[in-house]
């Protein structure tokens, strides 16, 4: 009898409530992270006070950084994950040490760059958080807040966003969508766990991003949204939700039409930008510069935290000779940490995705596996490995998917405990 009782306790660890101290730390972490992303998104608009936005971000850092450190539990039960994860962390420390400088402006930029700054290397720490249902609930609450913020931002900054092809409009579309809105797709994939209001909000946000991305000709962002909608549709169908069948079919047809129906859409002024850019090669020059500037050593271990490559005349600042970012996730990782960094990341992420999708009995774990899969697929055409909730959720998914106990839970049990929260 005693072994079965102990086994039951281990089985339900994920279902246990967060302790009071854990709840406070998780709340502070997500509050700080929301403030940080809010300040970065406002700063990216180019019309808000830079000092105010940076101040909001610094407050966020003071909240989420110590909370993340205190929440991290260095004990990893899965032997494979433990060995690869700590090797990856040590290599990230090496990448940071190669480029770290204590000049004021450099440090400032590293701290407030919400995509490619210093904190992107902090992202893996979230898979050490207590993997309990309470953490999942807090994460979903943050997703809803981000979704509401995106709707507000789209409304407030609409005078800038309606300028098709403008630099400000493109930056706002990309930053607002990727920093705030894309995570709402996770709610669509896990729809049974949420109210219909939350599902409608998430669907509205994803369709809004897809429409705005199409209007501005942001092909990578369109692909991301389309893939989310298609996978969410398959989840609806797989669970036999017949009442949603018409919506699913509509979303799939819409995604297909936006991506494939060029001849039809070419007649519409709404889609003229994406049609104009449909066959335009906007990456080859940047890629050629990247390949030419990378040595064998650079390919192996990267150029470090502040690594750049020679690529004149590409950015909006025509006088810029070097770039520190290449808008392809895999190449960005190689630029900073080489194929060693990319290889270690894939050795963690790919098995996590496979375990979550094919070896789990509940939708939460499958959804995290699918979310990791979506992120990895989109790392080729766009930047996914950024300090955003989107990327953090991939690492939370690592912690969830590698847990055999969590994978073996059924949806009915999870739903029962989730209602209590």
Protein backbone atom coordinates (compact mmCIF):
# COMPACT_ATOMS: atom_id res chain seq x y z
CA UNK A 1 0.00 0.00 0.00
CA UNK A 2 2.78 2.39 0.92
CA UNK A 3 4.47 2.29 -2.54
CA UNK A 4 1.15 3.04 -4.26
CA UNK A 5 0.55 6.05 -2.01
CA UNK A 6 4.01 7.40 -2.75
CA UNK A 7 3.45 6.78 -6.46
CA UNK A 8 0.19 8.72 -6.35
CA UNK A 9 1.91 11.67 -4.66
CA UNK A 10 4.56 11.72 -7.36
CA UNK A 11 1.94 11.40 -10.06
CA UNK A 12 -0.02 14.42 -8.84
CA UNK A 13 2.95 16.74 -8.28
CA UNK A 14 1.96 18.78 -11.32
CA UNK A 15 -1.54 19.13 -9.88
CA UNK A 16 -0.37 20.53 -6.55
CA UNK A 17 -0.96 24.20 -5.92
CA UNK A 18 1.96 26.60 -5.83
CA UNK A 19 3.14 27.38 -2.34
CA UNK A 20 2.61 30.89 -1.01
CA UNK A 21 6.23 31.86 -1.67
CA UNK A 22 6.14 30.29 -5.15
CA UNK A 23 2.91 32.15 -5.95
CA UNK A 24 4.44 35.47 -4.96
CA UNK A 25 7.59 34.85 -6.99
CA UNK A 26 5.64 33.68 -10.06
CA UNK A 27 3.40 36.75 -9.83
CA UNK A 28 6.42 39.04 -9.58
CA UNK A 29 8.13 37.29 -12.48
CA UNK A 30 5.21 37.63 -14.87
CA UNK A 31 4.42 41.17 -13.70
CA UNK A 32 8.02 42.22 -14.30
CA UNK A 33 8.12 40.45 -17.64
CA UNK A 34 4.88 42.13 -18.78
CA UNK A 35 6.26 45.54 -17.81
CA UNK A 36 9.51 44.83 -19.64
CA UNK A 37 7.70 43.81 -22.83
CA UNK A 38 5.33 46.77 -22.50
CA UNK A 39 8.23 49.24 -22.29
CA UNK A 40 10.03 47.61 -25.22
CA UNK A 41 6.90 47.60 -27.40
CA UNK A 42 6.19 51.26 -26.66
CA UNK A 43 9.81 52.19 -27.38
CA UNK A 44 9.68 50.40 -30.73
CA UNK A 45 6.89 52.72 -31.87
CA UNK A 46 9.38 55.57 -32.09
CA UNK A 47 6.79 58.06 -30.85
CA UNK A 48 6.97 57.42 -27.10
CA UNK A 49 9.42 58.99 -24.68
CA UNK A 50 12.55 56.83 -24.71
CA UNK A 51 13.47 57.48 -21.08
CA UNK A 52 9.96 56.59 -19.89
CA UNK A 53 9.96 53.34 -21.85
CA UNK A 54 13.42 52.40 -20.58
CA UNK A 55 12.35 53.16 -17.01
CA UNK A 56 9.39 50.81 -17.35
CA UNK A 57 11.74 48.11 -18.61
CA UNK A 58 14.18 48.61 -15.73
CA UNK A 59 11.36 48.25 -13.21
CA UNK A 60 10.38 45.06 -14.98
CA UNK A 61 13.95 43.75 -14.76
CA UNK A 62 14.08 44.45 -11.02
CA UNK A 63 10.95 42.33 -10.63
CA UNK A 64 11.49 39.35 -12.95
CA UNK A 65 15.26 38.81 -12.61
CA UNK A 66 15.49 38.05 -8.86
CA UNK A 67 12.18 36.17 -9.03
CA UNK A 68 13.48 33.92 -11.80
CA UNK A 69 16.67 33.15 -9.87
CA UNK A 70 14.75 32.28 -6.69
CA UNK A 71 12.23 30.11 -8.59
CA UNK A 72 14.87 28.03 -10.36
CA UNK A 73 15.33 24.51 -9.03
CA UNK A 74 18.65 23.15 -10.29
CA UNK A 75 17.55 19.54 -9.84
CA UNK A 76 16.52 18.00 -13.18
CA UNK A 77 15.14 14.48 -12.96
CA UNK A 78 15.50 13.52 -16.61
CA UNK A 79 19.10 12.32 -17.06
CA UNK A 80 19.29 13.20 -20.77
CA UNK A 81 17.92 16.71 -20.27
CA UNK A 82 20.16 17.28 -17.25
CA UNK A 83 23.34 16.51 -19.15
CA UNK A 84 22.50 18.50 -22.30
CA UNK A 85 20.88 21.42 -20.46
CA UNK A 86 23.82 22.19 -18.17
CA UNK A 87 26.24 21.82 -21.05
CA UNK A 88 24.12 24.32 -23.00
CA UNK A 89 24.03 26.75 -20.06
CA UNK A 90 27.80 26.59 -19.66
CA UNK A 91 28.24 27.32 -23.35
CA UNK A 92 25.84 30.29 -23.13
CA UNK A 93 27.94 31.66 -20.28
CA UNK A 94 30.96 31.31 -22.57
CA UNK A 95 29.13 33.15 -25.37
CA UNK A 96 28.27 36.01 -22.99
CA UNK A 97 31.80 36.21 -21.59
CA UNK A 98 33.28 36.53 -25.09
CA UNK A 99 31.32 39.70 -25.79
CA UNK A 100 30.69 41.23 -22.38
CA UNK A 101 31.81 44.81 -21.99
CA UNK A 102 31.20 47.29 -19.20
CA UNK A 103 30.75 50.37 -21.32
CA UNK A 104 27.61 52.24 -20.27
CA UNK A 105 25.85 52.51 -23.63
CA UNK A 106 26.60 48.91 -24.55
CA UNK A 107 25.28 47.62 -21.24
CA UNK A 108 22.21 49.84 -21.55
CA UNK A 109 21.42 48.48 -24.99
CA UNK A 110 21.91 44.90 -23.83
CA UNK A 111 19.52 45.43 -20.93
CA UNK A 112 16.68 47.12 -22.81
CA UNK A 113 16.85 45.22 -26.11
CA UNK A 114 13.77 43.07 -25.68
CA UNK A 115 14.60 40.78 -28.58
CA UNK A 116 18.34 40.26 -28.93
CA UNK A 117 19.69 41.66 -25.68
CA UNK A 118 21.27 40.00 -22.69
CA UNK A 119 18.11 38.43 -21.32
CA UNK A 120 17.61 36.10 -24.27
CA UNK A 121 20.30 33.99 -22.59
CA UNK A 122 18.21 33.92 -19.41
CA UNK A 123 15.28 32.27 -21.19
CA UNK A 124 16.30 28.63 -20.49
CA UNK A 125 16.00 29.24 -16.75
CA UNK A 126 12.20 29.06 -16.92
CA UNK A 127 12.31 25.31 -17.53
CA UNK A 128 13.67 25.08 -13.95
CA UNK A 129 10.55 26.73 -12.53
CA UNK A 130 8.18 24.54 -10.46
CA UNK A 131 6.19 22.72 -13.14
CA UNK A 132 2.80 22.91 -11.49
CA UNK A 133 -0.65 23.67 -12.80
CA UNK A 134 -0.51 27.02 -11.02
CA UNK A 135 2.41 28.09 -13.22
CA UNK A 136 0.39 27.14 -16.31
CA UNK A 137 -2.54 29.22 -15.02
CA UNK A 138 -0.32 32.26 -14.41
CA UNK A 139 1.20 31.87 -17.86
CA UNK A 140 -2.23 31.80 -19.50
CA UNK A 141 -3.25 34.90 -17.51
CA UNK A 142 -0.19 36.66 -18.92
CA UNK A 143 -1.12 35.54 -22.44
CA UNK A 144 -4.56 37.13 -22.00
CA UNK A 145 -3.00 40.38 -20.76
CA UNK A 146 -0.68 40.45 -23.77
CA UNK A 147 -3.63 39.82 -26.08
CA UNK A 148 -5.55 42.76 -24.62
CA UNK A 149 -2.47 44.97 -24.86
CA UNK A 150 -2.06 44.10 -28.53
CA UNK A 151 -5.65 45.08 -29.32
CA UNK A 152 -5.13 48.38 -27.48
CA UNK A 153 -1.84 49.03 -29.29
CA UNK A 154 -3.34 48.28 -32.70
CA UNK A 155 -6.11 50.80 -31.98
CA UNK A 156 -3.89 53.53 -30.50
CA UNK A 157 -1.21 53.30 -33.18
CA UNK A 158 -3.58 52.68 -36.09
CA UNK A 159 -2.69 56.05 -37.74
CA UNK A 160 0.87 54.73 -38.14
CA UNK A 161 -0.06 51.13 -38.94
CA UNK A 162 -2.25 52.07 -41.90
CA UNK A 163 0.78 53.49 -43.71
CA UNK A 164 1.57 50.51 -45.92
CA UNK A 165 5.25 49.69 -46.25
CA UNK A 166 6.39 52.50 -43.96
CA UNK A 167 9.36 51.79 -41.72
CA UNK A 168 7.48 52.70 -38.54
CA UNK A 169 4.47 50.60 -39.55
CA UNK A 170 6.64 47.56 -40.32
CA UNK A 171 8.53 47.78 -37.04
CA UNK A 172 5.31 48.21 -35.04
CA UNK A 173 3.62 45.33 -36.82
CA UNK A 174 6.53 42.98 -36.17
CA UNK A 175 7.31 44.02 -32.59
CA UNK A 176 3.72 44.30 -31.38
CA UNK A 177 2.73 41.00 -32.96
CA UNK A 178 5.74 38.93 -31.93
CA UNK A 179 6.16 40.46 -28.47
CA UNK A 180 2.50 40.59 -27.47
CA UNK A 181 0.14 38.76 -29.78
CA UNK A 182 1.47 35.49 -31.17
CA UNK A 183 1.26 33.72 -27.79
CA UNK A 184 -2.53 33.94 -27.97
CA UNK A 185 -2.27 31.05 -30.43
CA UNK A 186 -1.42 28.76 -27.51
CA UNK A 187 -4.88 29.46 -26.06
CA UNK A 188 -6.44 28.33 -29.36
CA UNK A 189 -4.49 25.08 -29.27
CA UNK A 190 -5.55 24.40 -25.66
CA UNK A 191 -9.12 25.66 -26.17
CA UNK A 192 -10.92 23.14 -23.87
CA UNK A 193 -9.14 24.59 -20.83
CA UNK A 194 -10.38 28.13 -21.42
CA UNK A 195 -13.66 30.04 -21.51
CA UNK A 196 -15.28 30.89 -24.83
CA UNK A 197 -14.47 34.56 -24.20
CA UNK A 198 -10.75 33.76 -23.96
CA UNK A 199 -10.92 31.65 -27.11
CA UNK A 200 -12.73 34.39 -29.05
CA UNK A 201 -10.18 36.97 -27.87
CA UNK A 202 -7.29 34.76 -28.96
CA UNK A 203 -8.88 34.01 -32.33
CA UNK A 204 -9.48 37.73 -32.90
CA UNK A 205 -5.86 38.55 -32.05
CA UNK A 206 -4.38 35.90 -34.37
CA UNK A 207 -6.66 36.88 -37.25
CA UNK A 208 -5.83 40.54 -36.60
CA UNK A 209 -2.10 39.82 -36.74
CA UNK A 210 -2.57 37.77 -39.91
CA UNK A 211 -4.50 40.60 -41.54
CA UNK A 212 -1.96 43.24 -40.50
CA UNK A 213 0.97 41.05 -41.59
CA UNK A 214 -0.68 40.56 -44.99
CA UNK A 215 -1.36 44.28 -45.31
CA UNK A 216 2.30 45.10 -44.57
CA UNK A 217 3.68 42.18 -46.59
CA UNK A 218 5.35 40.46 -43.61
CA UNK A 219 5.62 36.96 -45.02
CA UNK A 220 7.34 35.34 -42.03
CA UNK A 221 4.67 36.64 -39.68
CA UNK A 222 1.96 35.41 -42.04
CA UNK A 223 3.47 31.93 -42.04
CA UNK A 224 3.61 31.90 -38.23
CA UNK A 225 -0.08 32.84 -37.91
CA UNK A 226 -1.16 30.42 -40.63
CA UNK A 227 0.70 27.53 -38.99
CA UNK A 228 -0.88 28.31 -35.61
CA UNK A 229 -4.36 28.41 -37.14
CA UNK A 230 -3.86 25.19 -39.06
CA UNK A 231 -2.58 23.30 -36.02
CA UNK A 232 -5.37 24.69 -33.85
CA UNK A 233 -7.80 23.51 -36.53
CA UNK A 234 -6.34 20.01 -36.50
CA UNK A 235 -6.66 19.93 -32.71
CA UNK A 236 -10.33 20.86 -33.00
CA UNK A 237 -10.89 18.09 -35.52
CA UNK A 238 -8.87 15.52 -33.58
CA UNK A 239 -10.96 16.12 -30.48
CA UNK A 240 -14.20 15.70 -32.38
CA UNK A 241 -15.44 19.22 -31.78
CA UNK A 242 -18.01 19.15 -34.59
CA UNK A 243 -19.58 22.42 -33.54
CA UNK A 244 -16.33 24.13 -34.45
CA UNK A 245 -15.94 22.33 -37.76
CA UNK A 246 -17.16 25.23 -39.86
CA UNK A 247 -14.82 27.64 -38.11
CA UNK A 248 -11.90 25.29 -38.61
CA UNK A 249 -12.66 24.87 -42.30
CA UNK A 250 -12.94 28.64 -42.64
CA UNK A 251 -9.58 29.23 -40.96
CA UNK A 252 -7.86 26.61 -43.07
CA UNK A 253 -9.32 28.02 -46.27
CA UNK A 254 -8.37 31.53 -45.19
CA UNK A 255 -4.78 30.53 -44.46
CA UNK A 256 -4.50 28.68 -47.76
CA UNK A 257 -5.97 31.60 -49.64
CA UNK A 258 -3.55 34.07 -48.09
CA UNK A 259 -0.50 31.96 -48.78
CA UNK A 260 -1.31 30.31 -52.11
CA UNK A 261 -4.04 32.28 -53.88
CA UNK A 262 -1.78 34.90 -55.39
CA UNK A 263 -3.69 35.29 -58.62
CA UNK A 264 -6.94 36.10 -56.86
CA UNK A 265 -5.45 38.30 -54.17
CA UNK A 266 -3.42 40.27 -56.68
CA UNK A 267 -6.60 42.06 -57.75
CA UNK A 268 -7.19 43.40 -54.25
CA UNK A 269 -5.43 46.54 -53.05
CA UNK A 270 -5.52 45.15 -49.51
CA UNK A 271 -3.09 42.39 -50.48
CA UNK A 272 -1.06 44.32 -53.01
CA UNK A 273 1.92 44.67 -50.69
CA UNK A 274 2.31 40.97 -50.11
CA UNK A 275 1.79 40.29 -53.80
CA UNK A 276 4.45 42.84 -54.68
CA UNK A 277 6.83 41.15 -52.24
CA UNK A 278 5.66 37.62 -52.92
CA UNK A 279 8.58 36.68 -55.16
CA UNK A 280 10.91 39.45 -53.99
CA UNK A 281 14.22 38.22 -52.65
CA UNK A 282 14.88 40.30 -49.53
CA UNK A 283 17.31 37.92 -47.82
CA UNK A 284 19.93 36.78 -50.33
CA UNK A 285 22.16 39.86 -50.02
CA UNK A 286 22.13 39.70 -46.23
CA UNK A 287 22.75 35.94 -46.31
CA UNK A 288 25.61 36.35 -48.79
CA UNK A 289 27.24 38.95 -46.56
CA UNK A 290 26.79 36.67 -43.57
CA UNK A 291 28.35 33.66 -45.31
CA UNK A 292 31.28 35.67 -46.63
CA UNK A 293 32.09 37.21 -43.25
CA UNK A 294 31.95 33.99 -41.20
CA UNK A 295 35.19 32.10 -40.71
CA UNK A 296 35.42 28.40 -39.87
CA UNK A 297 35.90 29.29 -36.21
CA UNK A 298 32.90 31.62 -36.33
CA UNK A 299 30.73 28.85 -37.76
CA UNK A 300 31.83 26.53 -34.99
CA UNK A 301 31.55 28.72 -31.86
CA UNK A 302 30.12 32.02 -33.16
CA UNK A 303 31.34 35.56 -32.58
CA UNK A 304 30.10 36.03 -29.03
CA UNK A 305 27.48 38.22 -27.43
CA UNK A 306 28.24 41.32 -29.50
CA UNK A 307 29.09 39.47 -32.70
CA UNK A 308 28.48 41.31 -35.99
CA UNK A 309 28.98 40.65 -39.68
CA UNK A 310 30.01 43.00 -42.48
CA UNK A 311 26.94 43.97 -44.50
CA UNK A 312 26.92 47.58 -45.77
CA UNK A 313 23.96 49.36 -47.37
CA UNK A 314 21.22 47.04 -46.14
CA UNK A 315 19.77 48.69 -43.04
CA UNK A 316 17.71 51.87 -43.08
CA UNK A 317 20.88 53.64 -41.94
CA UNK A 318 22.84 53.45 -45.17
CA UNK A 319 26.05 54.43 -43.35
CA UNK A 320 25.97 51.29 -41.20
CA UNK A 321 28.67 48.82 -42.24
CA UNK A 322 28.06 46.01 -39.74
CA UNK A 323 24.91 44.26 -38.55
CA UNK A 324 24.42 42.45 -35.24
CA UNK A 325 21.18 40.77 -36.28
CA UNK A 326 20.27 38.49 -39.17
CA UNK A 327 16.53 37.96 -39.49
CA UNK A 328 16.74 34.18 -39.51
CA UNK A 329 16.59 32.46 -36.15
CA UNK A 330 19.01 29.62 -36.91
CA UNK A 331 21.62 31.95 -38.42
CA UNK A 332 21.23 34.40 -35.52
CA UNK A 333 22.07 31.62 -33.07
CA UNK A 334 25.08 30.63 -35.19
CA UNK A 335 26.24 34.26 -35.39
CA UNK A 336 26.51 34.47 -31.60
CA UNK A 337 27.27 30.87 -30.58
CA UNK A 338 27.99 28.89 -33.72
CA UNK A 339 26.69 25.46 -34.65
CA UNK A 340 27.64 24.26 -31.17
CA UNK A 341 25.00 26.52 -29.63
CA UNK A 342 22.43 25.61 -32.28
CA UNK A 343 23.17 21.90 -31.97
CA UNK A 344 22.76 21.89 -28.19
CA UNK A 345 19.51 23.83 -28.49
CA UNK A 346 18.10 21.38 -31.02
CA UNK A 347 19.20 18.42 -28.90
CA UNK A 348 16.97 19.82 -26.15
CA UNK A 349 14.04 21.12 -28.18
CA UNK A 350 13.47 18.37 -30.75
CA UNK A 351 13.15 15.48 -28.25
CA UNK A 352 10.91 17.68 -26.08
CA UNK A 353 8.59 18.31 -29.01
CA UNK A 354 8.48 14.61 -29.95
CA UNK A 355 7.77 13.54 -26.37
CA UNK A 356 5.04 16.13 -26.00
CA UNK A 357 3.26 15.40 -29.27
CA UNK A 358 3.53 11.61 -29.52
CA UNK A 359 4.10 10.31 -25.98
CA UNK A 360 1.61 12.21 -23.84
CA UNK A 361 -1.94 11.59 -22.71
CA UNK A 362 -3.13 15.16 -22.20
CA UNK A 363 -3.65 18.22 -24.36
CA UNK A 364 -1.44 20.55 -22.30
CA UNK A 365 1.68 18.50 -22.94
CA UNK A 366 0.77 17.95 -26.59
CA UNK A 367 0.18 21.71 -26.97
CA UNK A 368 3.62 22.51 -25.57
CA UNK A 369 5.15 19.96 -27.92
CA UNK A 370 3.31 21.56 -30.83
CA UNK A 371 4.34 25.04 -29.68
CA UNK A 372 8.00 24.00 -29.69
CA UNK A 373 7.49 22.49 -33.15
CA UNK A 374 5.91 25.72 -34.46
CA UNK A 375 8.79 27.75 -33.05
CA UNK A 376 11.47 25.52 -34.58
CA UNK A 377 9.78 25.58 -38.00
CA UNK A 378 9.61 29.37 -37.94
CA UNK A 379 13.24 29.77 -36.89
CA UNK A 380 14.20 29.46 -40.55
CA UNK A 381 12.20 32.35 -42.03
CA UNK A 382 12.07 34.60 -38.96
CA UNK A 383 13.37 35.39 -35.48
CA UNK A 384 11.82 33.20 -32.78
CA UNK A 385 14.65 32.96 -30.24
CA UNK A 386 13.96 36.37 -28.71
CA UNK A 387 13.22 37.43 -25.14
CA UNK A 388 9.47 37.17 -25.58
CA UNK A 389 6.78 35.08 -23.91
CA UNK A 390 6.62 33.07 -27.13
CA UNK A 391 10.19 31.81 -26.62
CA UNK A 392 9.81 31.47 -22.85
CA UNK A 393 6.82 29.18 -23.43
CA UNK A 394 9.03 26.96 -25.57
CA UNK A 395 11.34 26.54 -22.57
CA UNK A 396 8.44 25.99 -20.19
CA UNK A 397 7.37 23.34 -22.67
CA UNK A 398 10.78 21.71 -22.28
CA UNK A 399 10.19 21.37 -18.54
CA UNK A 400 6.69 19.98 -19.14
CA UNK A 401 7.43 17.60 -22.01
CA UNK A 402 10.44 15.91 -20.40
CA UNK A 403 8.37 15.01 -17.33
CA UNK A 404 6.96 11.50 -17.67
CA UNK A 405 4.63 12.15 -14.72
CA UNK A 406 3.03 15.12 -16.44
CA UNK A 407 2.79 13.35 -19.80
CA UNK A 408 0.88 10.45 -18.18
CA UNK A 409 -1.86 12.66 -16.68
CA UNK A 410 -5.23 12.64 -18.45
CA UNK A 411 -7.26 15.67 -19.48
CA UNK A 412 -10.16 14.93 -17.14
CA UNK A 413 -7.90 15.01 -14.09
CA UNK A 414 -6.15 18.19 -15.21
CA UNK A 415 -9.48 19.89 -15.95
CA UNK A 416 -10.78 18.97 -12.51
CA UNK A 417 -7.83 20.56 -10.73
CA UNK A 418 -7.70 23.52 -13.09
CA UNK A 419 -11.27 24.46 -12.14
CA UNK A 420 -10.21 24.59 -8.49
CA UNK A 421 -7.64 27.25 -9.39
